[in-house]
Every structure is written in C-alpha cells, then in structure tokens.
Amino acid sequence: MPDSHPFFARSLSGFTGRATPFAAAVVWLAACGGGSATDRPGGNELAAADASADAPAMCAMRDTTALRVAVLDYITTADPRPQRFLSTFGTDSALPEDGFKSLQDKGPTYYYNDNPKNQAQVRAKLDEAGPYTTMLVVYKGKKESDNGNTVTVMLGGHYIGGEHEGKAAAVREITVRCDSTGWRVPSSATTQAAPAAAPATPGA
C-alpha cells in the first residue's frame, strides 16, 4: 500500500543504532496517539456510535435477514405451535425465499395454492405422515425505517388439517432491528391483531 507520508517514512528509515531527539519525539507522539477509543475522553460514547454505525454492515454480512428472523419468531410463538408448514407460491402472499427457509429450518414444508388438485395432494401427504399441527403461513408485506436498520414484517396464518382445521392464527406486525450482534426482535417489538376468519383460498 503506498505511504501517505513518504517523507516521514524515509526520514525514520534513516535512523539506525541511535535515537535522536526528533525520533524520540515521534515515538512519544505515536504512543500518545495509541489506545482504544474508550481510553480517550468521551471514548465510551464514541465507541457506541461506531458500533451503531457498523451495525448495518454486520447485518448485511450475516446469513440471516430481518424477514427470516421475523418468520422464525412468528412460527415459534404461535399457539398452537405448528410442526409442519405450508406456503403459497406465485402470489403476493407467498413468503420470499429467506422467509421460506425459516419454515424449512423448523419442520417439513410444502407449497400450497388454491388449485383443488394441489390441495388434495398436499392434504393426502399430510394425512399419511401423521396428525401433526400444520400451518399455512401468509406473508402480508414489510416496511423499513431508520435507513433500513428497522424492518416491520406483517404475517398471518391458518391451520390446515387435523383438529385445528380452519383455525386462524393471529396477524402480527413483528419489528426486527439491526444492532452490533445482528438482526433481533426486541421483547416488546410485536403487535397483534385479532385473528381473521380462515379464507376460502390460501393467502387471502
């Protein structure tokens, strides 16, 4: 990497075997300029500001996304808790890929749409596998704020098959924030609406 101060670098390189007052002064100044940000006046505040500024970059570098975290929160706090998952495809209510991965991480996941033949095939497969609680997760959009560091995701759901057939899960707005550790759902960052009646077709 090119030296930003070539004269300064050449001057120091000429000193061998003995120290001059100039060299000693340079070393002393360098030592005084060292240390972490927290060692200097106002250092804690500066360090916190640096961490906050770096948070978006850290979140972008991680494998997970705000949507993936929101979907995970939705399905793991649902009551009753689902053990298998359905997602529509080809519609506005279909989960984007990173949200779909959250479903796959937690259990068997199938595509489900309003085609009667598809529905019959999926239901037959679910019945064959056993009476596990199954939820169709519905994506209702998201909005960003704080320069993209805060994302609010709206999700809903309906239970398919078994004893919970037709039961609607609560529609929730889940707020996910980026900090120095990645995307997180603050403990008080969700709002809940009353469950809607189950739609006649998926994703409604």
N, C-alpha and C. Protein backbone atom coordinates (compact mmCIF):
# COMPACT_ATOMS: atom_id res chain seq x y z
N MET A 1 0.86 -1.18 0.00
CA MET A 1 0.00 0.00 0.00
C MET A 1 0.89 1.23 0.00
N PRO A 2 0.68 2.23 -0.83
CA PRO A 2 1.52 3.42 -0.90
C PRO A 2 1.50 4.16 0.42
N ASP A 3 2.67 4.76 0.79
CA ASP A 3 2.73 5.55 2.02
C ASP A 3 2.04 6.87 1.81
N SER A 4 1.23 7.26 2.78
CA SER A 4 0.54 8.54 2.66
C SER A 4 1.47 9.70 3.00
N HIS A 5 2.57 9.38 3.74
CA HIS A 5 3.56 10.40 4.09
C HIS A 5 4.96 9.88 3.75
N PRO A 6 5.35 9.90 2.48
CA PRO A 6 6.62 9.29 2.06
C PRO A 6 7.82 9.95 2.73
N PHE A 7 7.79 11.26 2.91
CA PHE A 7 8.94 11.92 3.52
C PHE A 7 9.11 11.46 4.96
N PHE A 8 8.02 11.37 5.67
CA PHE A 8 8.05 10.91 7.05
C PHE A 8 8.61 9.50 7.13
N ALA A 9 8.21 8.62 6.22
CA ALA A 9 8.69 7.24 6.23
C ALA A 9 10.17 7.17 5.92
N ARG A 10 10.65 7.96 4.94
CA ARG A 10 12.07 7.92 4.57
C ARG A 10 12.92 8.48 5.70
N SER A 11 12.44 9.50 6.40
CA SER A 11 13.21 10.10 7.47
C SER A 11 13.44 9.10 8.59
N LEU A 12 12.41 8.35 8.96
CA LEU A 12 12.56 7.37 10.02
C LEU A 12 13.46 6.22 9.61
N SER A 13 13.42 5.85 8.33
CA SER A 13 14.20 4.70 7.89
C SER A 13 15.69 4.98 7.93
N GLY A 14 16.08 6.24 8.01
CA GLY A 14 17.50 6.57 8.03
C GLY A 14 18.13 6.45 9.40
N PHE A 15 17.37 6.26 10.46
CA PHE A 15 17.91 6.17 11.81
C PHE A 15 18.24 4.72 12.13
N THR A 16 19.53 4.44 12.39
CA THR A 16 19.94 3.08 12.75
C THR A 16 20.89 3.15 13.93
N GLY A 17 20.64 2.40 14.95
CA GLY A 17 21.58 2.27 16.04
C GLY A 17 21.49 3.34 17.10
N ARG A 18 20.90 4.51 16.83
CA ARG A 18 20.82 5.52 17.87
C ARG A 18 19.54 6.32 17.68
N ALA A 19 19.09 6.90 18.77
CA ALA A 19 17.87 7.70 18.73
C ALA A 19 18.23 9.17 18.79
N THR A 20 17.57 9.97 18.01
CA THR A 20 17.76 11.42 18.03
C THR A 20 16.58 12.04 18.74
N PRO A 21 16.70 13.29 19.16
CA PRO A 21 15.55 13.95 19.80
C PRO A 21 14.31 13.94 18.92
N PHE A 22 14.50 14.09 17.60
CA PHE A 22 13.35 14.09 16.69
C PHE A 22 12.66 12.72 16.69
N ALA A 23 13.50 11.66 16.61
CA ALA A 23 12.94 10.31 16.58
C ALA A 23 12.22 10.00 17.88
N ALA A 24 12.84 10.42 18.99
CA ALA A 24 12.20 10.18 20.29
C ALA A 24 10.86 10.88 20.38
N ALA A 25 10.81 12.10 19.85
CA ALA A 25 9.55 12.85 19.88
C ALA A 25 8.49 12.15 19.05
N VAL A 26 8.90 11.63 17.89
CA VAL A 26 7.96 10.92 17.02
C VAL A 26 7.40 9.70 17.73
N VAL A 27 8.29 8.91 18.38
CA VAL A 27 7.86 7.72 19.08
C VAL A 27 6.91 8.08 20.22
N TRP A 28 7.24 9.16 20.94
CA TRP A 28 6.39 9.59 22.06
C TRP A 28 5.00 9.99 21.57
N LEU A 29 4.95 10.73 20.45
CA LEU A 29 3.67 11.15 19.90
C LEU A 29 2.85 9.95 19.45
N ALA A 30 3.54 8.97 18.84
CA ALA A 30 2.83 7.78 18.38
C ALA A 30 2.23 7.02 19.56
N ALA A 31 3.00 6.95 20.66
CA ALA A 31 2.50 6.26 21.84
C ALA A 31 1.29 6.97 22.43
N CYS A 32 1.36 8.31 22.44
CA CYS A 32 0.24 9.07 22.98
C CYS A 32 -1.01 8.92 22.12
N GLY A 33 -0.83 8.69 20.84
CA GLY A 33 -1.98 8.56 19.95
C GLY A 33 -2.58 7.19 19.95
N GLY A 34 -1.96 6.22 20.65
CA GLY A 34 -2.46 4.86 20.64
C GLY A 34 -3.60 4.67 21.62
N GLY A 35 -3.93 3.40 21.86
CA GLY A 35 -5.00 3.08 22.79
C GLY A 35 -6.33 2.99 22.09
N SER A 36 -7.29 2.44 22.79
CA SER A 36 -8.62 2.27 22.21
C SER A 36 -9.44 3.53 22.36
N ALA A 37 -10.57 3.55 21.66
CA ALA A 37 -11.43 4.73 21.71
C ALA A 37 -11.96 4.98 23.11
N THR A 38 -12.11 3.91 23.89
CA THR A 38 -12.67 4.07 25.23
C THR A 38 -11.68 4.66 26.20
N ASP A 39 -10.36 4.70 25.83
CA ASP A 39 -9.35 5.29 26.71
C ASP A 39 -9.33 6.80 26.64
N ARG A 40 -9.97 7.39 25.63
CA ARG A 40 -9.92 8.83 25.44
C ARG A 40 -11.19 9.47 25.97
N PRO A 41 -11.13 10.79 26.26
CA PRO A 41 -12.34 11.48 26.75
C PRO A 41 -13.52 11.25 25.81
N GLY A 42 -14.65 10.89 26.39
CA GLY A 42 -15.83 10.62 25.58
C GLY A 42 -15.72 9.34 24.79
N GLY A 43 -14.73 8.49 25.16
CA GLY A 43 -14.48 7.28 24.37
C GLY A 43 -15.63 6.31 24.35
N ASN A 44 -16.32 6.14 25.48
CA ASN A 44 -17.45 5.21 25.52
C ASN A 44 -18.54 5.61 24.54
N GLU A 45 -18.82 6.92 24.50
CA GLU A 45 -19.84 7.40 23.58
C GLU A 45 -19.41 7.21 22.13
N LEU A 46 -18.11 7.46 21.87
CA LEU A 46 -17.60 7.28 20.50
C LEU A 46 -17.65 5.81 20.10
N ALA A 47 -17.28 4.94 21.02
CA ALA A 47 -17.30 3.50 20.71
C ALA A 47 -18.71 3.03 20.42
N ALA A 48 -19.68 3.52 21.22
CA ALA A 48 -21.07 3.14 20.99
C ALA A 48 -21.56 3.64 19.65
N ALA A 49 -21.15 4.87 19.29
CA ALA A 49 -21.55 5.42 18.00
C ALA A 49 -20.94 4.62 16.85
N ASP A 50 -19.67 4.21 17.02
CA ASP A 50 -19.02 3.41 15.99
C ASP A 50 -19.73 2.07 15.82
N ALA A 51 -20.10 1.45 16.95
CA ALA A 51 -20.78 0.16 16.89
C ALA A 51 -22.13 0.30 16.19
N SER A 52 -22.84 1.39 16.49
CA SER A 52 -24.13 1.63 15.85
C SER A 52 -23.97 1.84 14.36
N ALA A 53 -22.91 2.58 13.98
CA ALA A 53 -22.68 2.85 12.56
C ALA A 53 -22.31 1.58 11.81
N ASP A 54 -21.62 0.64 12.50
CA ASP A 54 -21.19 -0.59 11.85
C ASP A 54 -22.30 -1.64 11.80
N ALA A 55 -23.38 -1.44 12.56
CA ALA A 55 -24.43 -2.45 12.65
C ALA A 55 -25.02 -2.83 11.30
N PRO A 56 -25.38 -1.87 10.43
CA PRO A 56 -25.96 -2.25 9.14
C PRO A 56 -25.04 -3.14 8.32
N ALA A 57 -23.75 -2.82 8.35
CA ALA A 57 -22.79 -3.63 7.59
C ALA A 57 -22.73 -5.04 8.15
N MET A 58 -22.75 -5.18 9.47
CA MET A 58 -22.69 -6.50 10.09
C MET A 58 -23.93 -7.31 9.74
N CYS A 59 -25.10 -6.67 9.76
CA CYS A 59 -26.33 -7.38 9.42
C CYS A 59 -26.32 -7.84 7.97
N ALA A 60 -25.76 -7.01 7.09
CA ALA A 60 -25.71 -7.37 5.67
C ALA A 60 -24.77 -8.54 5.43
N MET A 61 -23.75 -8.68 6.27
CA MET A 61 -22.76 -9.73 6.10
C MET A 61 -23.25 -11.08 6.62
N ARG A 62 -24.22 -11.09 7.49
CA ARG A 62 -24.68 -12.34 8.09
C ARG A 62 -25.61 -13.11 7.15
N ASP A 63 -25.73 -14.42 7.45
CA ASP A 63 -26.54 -15.29 6.59
C ASP A 63 -28.03 -14.99 6.74
N THR A 64 -28.44 -14.55 7.91
CA THR A 64 -29.86 -14.34 8.15
C THR A 64 -30.30 -12.96 7.69
N THR A 65 -31.61 -12.75 7.62
CA THR A 65 -32.18 -11.47 7.22
C THR A 65 -33.28 -11.10 8.20
N ALA A 66 -33.74 -9.86 8.12
CA ALA A 66 -34.82 -9.42 9.01
C ALA A 66 -36.07 -10.27 8.81
N LEU A 67 -36.39 -10.57 7.55
CA LEU A 67 -37.59 -11.37 7.27
C LEU A 67 -37.46 -12.77 7.85
N ARG A 68 -36.31 -13.35 7.70
CA ARG A 68 -36.10 -14.71 8.22
C ARG A 68 -36.27 -14.74 9.74
N VAL A 69 -35.75 -13.72 10.42
CA VAL A 69 -35.88 -13.64 11.87
C VAL A 69 -37.34 -13.45 12.27
N ALA A 70 -38.06 -12.61 11.52
CA ALA A 70 -39.47 -12.35 11.83
C ALA A 70 -40.32 -13.61 11.66
N VAL A 71 -40.09 -14.34 10.58
CA VAL A 71 -40.85 -15.58 10.34
C VAL A 71 -40.56 -16.60 11.45
N LEU A 72 -39.31 -16.70 11.84
CA LEU A 72 -38.95 -17.63 12.91
C LEU A 72 -39.66 -17.25 14.20
N ASP A 73 -39.72 -15.97 14.50
CA ASP A 73 -40.41 -15.53 15.71
C ASP A 73 -41.91 -15.85 15.62
N TYR A 74 -42.47 -15.65 14.45
CA TYR A 74 -43.92 -15.88 14.27
C TYR A 74 -44.29 -17.34 14.52
N ILE A 75 -43.55 -18.25 13.91
CA ILE A 75 -43.94 -19.66 13.99
C ILE A 75 -43.59 -20.29 15.33
N THR A 76 -42.56 -19.78 16.00
CA THR A 76 -42.17 -20.37 17.28
C THR A 76 -42.99 -19.83 18.46
N THR A 77 -43.75 -18.77 18.23
CA THR A 77 -44.60 -18.24 19.30
C THR A 77 -46.08 -18.47 19.03
N ALA A 78 -46.40 -19.10 17.91
CA ALA A 78 -47.81 -19.37 17.58
C ALA A 78 -48.40 -20.38 18.55
N ASP A 79 -49.70 -20.26 18.79
CA ASP A 79 -50.39 -21.18 19.69
C ASP A 79 -51.69 -21.65 19.03
N PRO A 80 -51.78 -22.95 18.73
CA PRO A 80 -50.80 -24.00 18.99
C PRO A 80 -49.58 -23.88 18.06
N ARG A 81 -48.47 -24.37 18.55
CA ARG A 81 -47.23 -24.26 17.79
C ARG A 81 -47.23 -25.27 16.64
N PRO A 82 -47.02 -24.79 15.42
CA PRO A 82 -47.04 -25.71 14.27
C PRO A 82 -45.80 -26.59 14.21
N GLN A 83 -45.99 -27.78 13.65
CA GLN A 83 -44.88 -28.73 13.46
C GLN A 83 -44.55 -28.94 11.99
N ARG A 84 -45.50 -28.55 11.13
CA ARG A 84 -45.28 -28.60 9.67
C ARG A 84 -45.81 -27.29 9.10
N PHE A 85 -45.33 -27.00 7.88
CA PHE A 85 -45.64 -25.68 7.33
C PHE A 85 -46.04 -25.74 5.86
N LEU A 86 -46.91 -24.79 5.50
CA LEU A 86 -47.33 -24.62 4.11
C LEU A 86 -47.06 -23.18 3.72
N SER A 87 -46.75 -22.99 2.44
CA SER A 87 -46.56 -21.64 1.92
C SER A 87 -47.10 -21.59 0.50
N THR A 88 -47.79 -20.51 0.19
CA THR A 88 -48.28 -20.35 -1.18
C THR A 88 -47.13 -20.00 -2.10
N PHE A 89 -47.38 -20.03 -3.39
CA PHE A 89 -46.36 -19.61 -4.36
C PHE A 89 -47.04 -18.91 -5.52
N GLY A 90 -46.33 -17.98 -6.11
CA GLY A 90 -46.86 -17.27 -7.26
C GLY A 90 -47.89 -16.22 -6.93
N THR A 91 -47.99 -15.84 -5.65
CA THR A 91 -48.95 -14.80 -5.24
C THR A 91 -48.24 -13.78 -4.35
N ASP A 92 -48.92 -12.66 -4.09
CA ASP A 92 -48.34 -11.63 -3.23
C ASP A 92 -48.18 -12.11 -1.79
N SER A 93 -48.95 -13.10 -1.41
CA SER A 93 -48.88 -13.60 -0.04
C SER A 93 -47.86 -14.71 0.15
N ALA A 94 -47.14 -15.05 -0.91
CA ALA A 94 -46.11 -16.08 -0.81
C ALA A 94 -44.90 -15.54 -0.06
N LEU A 95 -44.33 -16.34 0.81
CA LEU A 95 -43.13 -15.92 1.53
C LEU A 95 -41.95 -15.81 0.58
N PRO A 96 -41.17 -14.75 0.66
CA PRO A 96 -39.92 -14.69 -0.09
C PRO A 96 -39.00 -15.83 0.35
N GLU A 97 -37.97 -16.08 -0.43
CA GLU A 97 -37.13 -17.26 -0.21
C GLU A 97 -36.54 -17.32 1.19
N ASP A 98 -36.05 -16.19 1.72
CA ASP A 98 -35.42 -16.24 3.03
C ASP A 98 -36.43 -16.54 4.14
N GLY A 99 -37.68 -16.12 3.95
CA GLY A 99 -38.72 -16.48 4.91
C GLY A 99 -39.09 -17.95 4.81
N PHE A 100 -39.12 -18.46 3.58
CA PHE A 100 -39.42 -19.88 3.35
C PHE A 100 -38.37 -20.76 4.03
N LYS A 101 -37.11 -20.30 4.04
CA LYS A 101 -36.05 -21.08 4.68
C LYS A 101 -36.28 -21.22 6.18
N SER A 102 -36.88 -20.20 6.79
CA SER A 102 -37.19 -20.30 8.22
C SER A 102 -38.16 -21.44 8.49
N LEU A 103 -39.13 -21.60 7.60
CA LEU A 103 -40.08 -22.71 7.75
C LEU A 103 -39.35 -24.05 7.63
N GLN A 104 -38.49 -24.15 6.63
CA GLN A 104 -37.76 -25.40 6.42
C GLN A 104 -36.85 -25.75 7.60
N ASP A 105 -36.34 -24.71 8.26
CA ASP A 105 -35.47 -24.94 9.42
C ASP A 105 -36.23 -25.58 10.58
N LYS A 106 -37.55 -25.39 10.62
CA LYS A 106 -38.33 -25.84 11.77
C LYS A 106 -39.21 -27.06 11.51
N GLY A 107 -39.30 -27.50 10.28
CA GLY A 107 -40.12 -28.68 10.03
C GLY A 107 -40.39 -28.89 8.55
N PRO A 108 -41.03 -30.02 8.21
CA PRO A 108 -41.37 -30.28 6.81
C PRO A 108 -42.21 -29.14 6.24
N THR A 109 -41.90 -28.73 5.03
CA THR A 109 -42.55 -27.57 4.43
C THR A 109 -43.01 -27.91 3.01
N TYR A 110 -44.25 -27.51 2.69
CA TYR A 110 -44.82 -27.82 1.38
C TYR A 110 -45.41 -26.56 0.75
N TYR A 111 -45.41 -26.55 -0.57
CA TYR A 111 -46.11 -25.48 -1.30
C TYR A 111 -47.59 -25.82 -1.36
N TYR A 112 -48.40 -24.77 -1.27
CA TYR A 112 -49.85 -24.96 -1.20
C TYR A 112 -50.52 -23.80 -1.91
N ASN A 113 -51.43 -24.09 -2.83
CA ASN A 113 -52.11 -22.99 -3.53
C ASN A 113 -53.62 -23.25 -3.61
N ASP A 114 -54.30 -22.43 -4.41
CA ASP A 114 -55.76 -22.55 -4.46
C ASP A 114 -56.24 -23.54 -5.52
N ASN A 115 -55.31 -24.29 -6.09
CA ASN A 115 -55.68 -25.32 -7.05
C ASN A 115 -56.20 -26.55 -6.30
N PRO A 116 -57.44 -26.95 -6.52
CA PRO A 116 -58.01 -28.08 -5.77
C PRO A 116 -57.16 -29.35 -5.87
N LYS A 117 -56.59 -29.60 -7.03
CA LYS A 117 -55.77 -30.80 -7.19
C LYS A 117 -54.53 -30.73 -6.30
N ASN A 118 -53.89 -29.57 -6.28
CA ASN A 118 -52.71 -29.39 -5.43
C ASN A 118 -53.08 -29.54 -3.96
N GLN A 119 -54.18 -28.95 -3.57
CA GLN A 119 -54.60 -29.03 -2.17
C GLN A 119 -54.87 -30.48 -1.76
N ALA A 120 -55.53 -31.22 -2.64
CA ALA A 120 -55.84 -32.62 -2.33
C ALA A 120 -54.57 -33.44 -2.17
N GLN A 121 -53.59 -33.20 -3.05
CA GLN A 121 -52.33 -33.94 -2.98
C GLN A 121 -51.58 -33.63 -1.70
N VAL A 122 -51.53 -32.35 -1.34
CA VAL A 122 -50.81 -31.96 -0.13
C VAL A 122 -51.51 -32.50 1.11
N ARG A 123 -52.83 -32.39 1.15
CA ARG A 123 -53.56 -32.89 2.30
C ARG A 123 -53.39 -34.41 2.46
N ALA A 124 -53.36 -35.12 1.34
CA ALA A 124 -53.16 -36.57 1.41
C ALA A 124 -51.78 -36.90 1.98
N LYS A 125 -50.80 -36.13 1.58
CA LYS A 125 -49.44 -36.34 2.08
C LYS A 125 -49.36 -36.04 3.57
N LEU A 126 -50.05 -34.99 4.00
CA LEU A 126 -50.06 -34.63 5.42
C LEU A 126 -50.74 -35.72 6.25
N ASP A 127 -51.88 -36.22 5.75
CA ASP A 127 -52.61 -37.26 6.47
C ASP A 127 -51.78 -38.53 6.58
N GLU A 128 -51.06 -38.84 5.52
CA GLU A 128 -50.24 -40.05 5.51
C GLU A 128 -49.11 -39.96 6.53
N ALA A 129 -48.54 -38.76 6.69
CA ALA A 129 -47.40 -38.58 7.59
C ALA A 129 -47.80 -38.61 9.06
N GLY A 130 -49.05 -38.27 9.35
CA GLY A 130 -49.49 -38.29 10.74
C GLY A 130 -50.17 -36.99 11.15
N PRO A 131 -50.80 -37.00 12.32
CA PRO A 131 -51.61 -35.85 12.77
C PRO A 131 -50.78 -34.73 13.40
N TYR A 132 -49.87 -34.20 12.66
CA TYR A 132 -49.04 -33.10 13.17
C TYR A 132 -49.70 -31.76 12.86
N THR A 133 -49.55 -30.82 13.77
CA THR A 133 -50.14 -29.49 13.59
C THR A 133 -49.49 -28.78 12.41
N THR A 134 -50.31 -28.33 11.47
CA THR A 134 -49.80 -27.75 10.22
C THR A 134 -50.34 -26.34 10.03
N MET A 135 -49.45 -25.41 9.70
CA MET A 135 -49.85 -24.02 9.49
C MET A 135 -49.48 -23.53 8.10
N LEU A 136 -50.43 -22.87 7.46
CA LEU A 136 -50.16 -22.12 6.24
C LEU A 136 -49.76 -20.72 6.66
N VAL A 137 -48.52 -20.33 6.39
CA VAL A 137 -48.01 -19.01 6.79
C VAL A 137 -48.22 -18.03 5.64
N VAL A 138 -48.82 -16.90 5.95
CA VAL A 138 -49.19 -15.91 4.93
C VAL A 138 -48.38 -14.63 5.12
N TYR A 139 -47.71 -14.23 4.07
CA TYR A 139 -46.90 -13.01 4.08
C TYR A 139 -47.77 -11.82 3.69
N LYS A 140 -47.76 -10.77 4.52
CA LYS A 140 -48.61 -9.61 4.27
C LYS A 140 -47.81 -8.32 4.04
N GLY A 141 -46.52 -8.48 3.82
CA GLY A 141 -45.70 -7.32 3.47
C GLY A 141 -44.76 -6.88 4.59
N LYS A 142 -43.92 -5.90 4.27
CA LYS A 142 -42.99 -5.35 5.24
C LYS A 142 -42.73 -3.89 4.93
N LYS A 143 -42.24 -3.18 5.92
CA LYS A 143 -41.86 -1.78 5.74
C LYS A 143 -40.56 -1.52 6.50
N GLU A 144 -39.74 -0.63 5.95
CA GLU A 144 -38.45 -0.33 6.54
C GLU A 144 -38.42 1.10 7.06
N SER A 145 -37.61 1.33 8.09
CA SER A 145 -37.39 2.67 8.63
C SER A 145 -35.97 2.74 9.17
N ASP A 146 -35.60 3.92 9.66
CA ASP A 146 -34.27 4.11 10.25
C ASP A 146 -33.17 3.66 9.27
N ASN A 147 -33.29 4.14 8.02
CA ASN A 147 -32.30 3.82 6.98
C ASN A 147 -32.14 2.32 6.77
N GLY A 148 -33.21 1.58 6.94
CA GLY A 148 -33.16 0.14 6.71
C GLY A 148 -32.72 -0.66 7.92
N ASN A 149 -32.42 0.01 9.05
CA ASN A 149 -31.97 -0.70 10.24
C ASN A 149 -33.13 -1.27 11.06
N THR A 150 -34.35 -0.86 10.75
CA THR A 150 -35.54 -1.39 11.41
C THR A 150 -36.52 -1.86 10.34
N VAL A 151 -36.96 -3.09 10.45
CA VAL A 151 -37.88 -3.68 9.47
C VAL A 151 -39.09 -4.25 10.22
N THR A 152 -40.28 -3.86 9.80
CA THR A 152 -41.51 -4.39 10.38
C THR A 152 -42.17 -5.31 9.37
N VAL A 153 -42.36 -6.56 9.76
CA VAL A 153 -42.91 -7.59 8.88
C VAL A 153 -44.30 -7.98 9.39
N MET A 154 -45.27 -8.02 8.47
CA MET A 154 -46.63 -8.44 8.85
C MET A 154 -46.87 -9.86 8.34
N LEU A 155 -47.29 -10.73 9.25
CA LEU A 155 -47.51 -12.14 8.93
C LEU A 155 -48.84 -12.61 9.51
N GLY A 156 -49.43 -13.57 8.85
CA GLY A 156 -50.65 -14.20 9.33
C GLY A 156 -50.56 -15.69 9.06
N GLY A 157 -51.58 -16.43 9.43
CA GLY A 157 -51.54 -17.86 9.19
C GLY A 157 -52.88 -18.54 9.43
N HIS A 158 -52.99 -19.77 8.93
CA HIS A 158 -54.20 -20.58 9.10
C HIS A 158 -53.77 -22.03 9.27
N TYR A 159 -54.47 -22.74 10.12
CA TYR A 159 -54.16 -24.15 10.34
C TYR A 159 -54.92 -25.00 9.34
N ILE A 160 -54.21 -25.98 8.82
CA ILE A 160 -54.76 -26.85 7.78
C ILE A 160 -54.75 -28.29 8.29
N GLY A 161 -55.91 -28.94 8.25
CA GLY A 161 -56.00 -30.34 8.62
C GLY A 161 -56.01 -30.56 10.13
N GLY A 162 -56.33 -31.79 10.51
CA GLY A 162 -56.29 -32.18 11.92
C GLY A 162 -57.33 -31.46 12.76
N GLU A 163 -57.12 -31.49 14.07
CA GLU A 163 -58.10 -30.92 15.00
C GLU A 163 -58.19 -29.40 14.93
N HIS A 164 -57.19 -28.75 14.33
CA HIS A 164 -57.19 -27.29 14.26
C HIS A 164 -57.61 -26.78 12.87
N GLU A 165 -58.17 -27.65 12.07
CA GLU A 165 -58.58 -27.28 10.71
C GLU A 165 -59.40 -25.99 10.70
N GLY A 166 -58.95 -25.03 9.86
CA GLY A 166 -59.70 -23.79 9.69
C GLY A 166 -59.42 -22.71 10.72
N LYS A 167 -58.67 -23.03 11.76
CA LYS A 167 -58.40 -22.02 12.79
C LYS A 167 -57.43 -20.98 12.24
N ALA A 168 -57.75 -19.71 12.47
CA ALA A 168 -56.87 -18.63 12.01
C ALA A 168 -55.89 -18.25 13.10
N ALA A 169 -54.63 -18.10 12.72
CA ALA A 169 -53.62 -17.60 13.65
C ALA A 169 -53.66 -16.08 13.66
N ALA A 170 -53.16 -15.49 14.71
CA ALA A 170 -53.18 -14.03 14.83
C ALA A 170 -52.33 -13.38 13.75
N VAL A 171 -52.80 -12.25 13.25
CA VAL A 171 -52.00 -11.42 12.35
C VAL A 171 -51.09 -10.57 13.23
N ARG A 172 -49.80 -10.62 12.95
CA ARG A 172 -48.84 -9.89 13.79
C ARG A 172 -47.94 -8.99 12.95
N GLU A 173 -47.59 -7.86 13.53
CA GLU A 173 -46.56 -6.99 12.97
C GLU A 173 -45.32 -7.16 13.85
N ILE A 174 -44.29 -7.74 13.28
CA ILE A 174 -43.08 -8.06 14.03
C ILE A 174 -41.97 -7.11 13.61
N THR A 175 -41.47 -6.35 14.55
CA THR A 175 -40.40 -5.39 14.27
C THR A 175 -39.05 -6.02 14.59
N VAL A 176 -38.16 -5.97 13.61
CA VAL A 176 -36.82 -6.53 13.75
C VAL A 176 -35.82 -5.40 13.60
N ARG A 177 -34.85 -5.33 14.51
CA ARG A 177 -33.87 -4.25 14.48
C ARG A 177 -32.46 -4.81 14.32
N CYS A 178 -31.64 -4.03 13.62
CA CYS A 178 -30.24 -4.40 13.42
C CYS A 178 -29.40 -3.71 14.49
N ASP A 179 -28.59 -4.49 15.21
CA ASP A 179 -27.61 -3.90 16.12
C ASP A 179 -26.27 -4.57 15.88
N SER A 180 -25.32 -4.35 16.77
CA SER A 180 -23.97 -4.86 16.54
C SER A 180 -23.90 -6.38 16.57
N THR A 181 -24.94 -7.05 17.04
CA THR A 181 -24.95 -8.51 17.07
C THR A 181 -25.74 -9.13 15.93
N GLY A 182 -26.41 -8.31 15.12
CA GLY A 182 -27.19 -8.81 14.00
C GLY A 182 -28.65 -8.40 14.12
N TRP A 183 -29.52 -9.10 13.40
CA TRP A 183 -30.95 -8.81 13.44
C TRP A 183 -31.57 -9.43 14.68
N ARG A 184 -32.38 -8.64 15.40
CA ARG A 184 -33.01 -9.13 16.62
C ARG A 184 -34.44 -8.60 16.74
N VAL A 185 -35.27 -9.38 17.41
CA VAL A 185 -36.63 -8.95 17.72
C VAL A 185 -36.64 -8.49 19.18
N PRO A 186 -36.75 -7.20 19.45
CA PRO A 186 -36.84 -6.73 20.85
C PRO A 186 -38.05 -7.36 21.52
N SER A 187 -37.98 -7.54 22.82
CA SER A 187 -39.03 -8.26 23.54
C SER A 187 -40.40 -7.60 23.43
N SER A 188 -40.42 -6.28 23.23
CA SER A 188 -41.70 -5.58 23.16
C SER A 188 -41.99 -5.03 21.77
N ALA A 189 -41.40 -5.66 20.75
CA ALA A 189 -41.48 -5.09 19.40
C ALA A 189 -42.49 -5.77 18.50
N THR A 190 -43.51 -6.39 19.06
CA THR A 190 -44.53 -7.00 18.22
C THR A 190 -45.90 -6.48 18.61
N THR A 191 -46.76 -6.37 17.62
CA THR A 191 -48.15 -6.01 17.88
C THR A 191 -49.02 -7.09 17.27
N GLN A 192 -50.18 -7.29 17.84
CA GLN A 192 -51.03 -8.39 17.42
C GLN A 192 -52.45 -7.91 17.15
N ALA A 193 -52.99 -8.37 16.05
CA ALA A 193 -54.38 -8.07 15.71
C ALA A 193 -55.22 -9.31 15.96
N ALA A 194 -56.50 -9.14 16.04
CA ALA A 194 -57.38 -10.29 16.25
C ALA A 194 -57.33 -11.21 15.04
N PRO A 195 -57.35 -12.53 15.26
CA PRO A 195 -57.32 -13.46 14.13
C PRO A 195 -58.50 -13.25 13.20
N ALA A 196 -58.22 -13.33 11.92
CA ALA A 196 -59.29 -13.21 10.93
C ALA A 196 -59.86 -14.59 10.64
N ALA A 197 -61.03 -14.63 10.08
CA ALA A 197 -61.63 -15.90 9.70
C ALA A 197 -60.80 -16.55 8.61
N ALA A 198 -60.72 -17.84 8.61
CA ALA A 198 -59.94 -18.55 7.60
C ALA A 198 -60.52 -18.28 6.22
N PRO A 199 -59.66 -17.99 5.24
CA PRO A 199 -60.14 -17.69 3.90
C PRO A 199 -60.54 -18.94 3.15
N ALA A 200 -61.32 -18.75 2.12
CA ALA A 200 -61.72 -19.88 1.29
C ALA A 200 -60.55 -20.40 0.48
N THR A 201 -59.60 -19.52 0.14
CA THR A 201 -58.43 -19.92 -0.63
C THR A 201 -57.18 -19.45 0.09
N PRO A 202 -56.05 -20.15 -0.07
CA PRO A 202 -54.82 -19.77 0.61
C PRO A 202 -54.40 -18.35 0.26
N GLY A 203 -53.84 -17.67 1.27
CA GLY A 203 -53.25 -16.37 1.03
C GLY A 203 -54.21 -15.22 1.06
N ALA A 204 -55.49 -15.46 1.23
CA ALA A 204 -56.47 -14.37 1.23
C ALA A 204 -56.38 -13.58 2.52
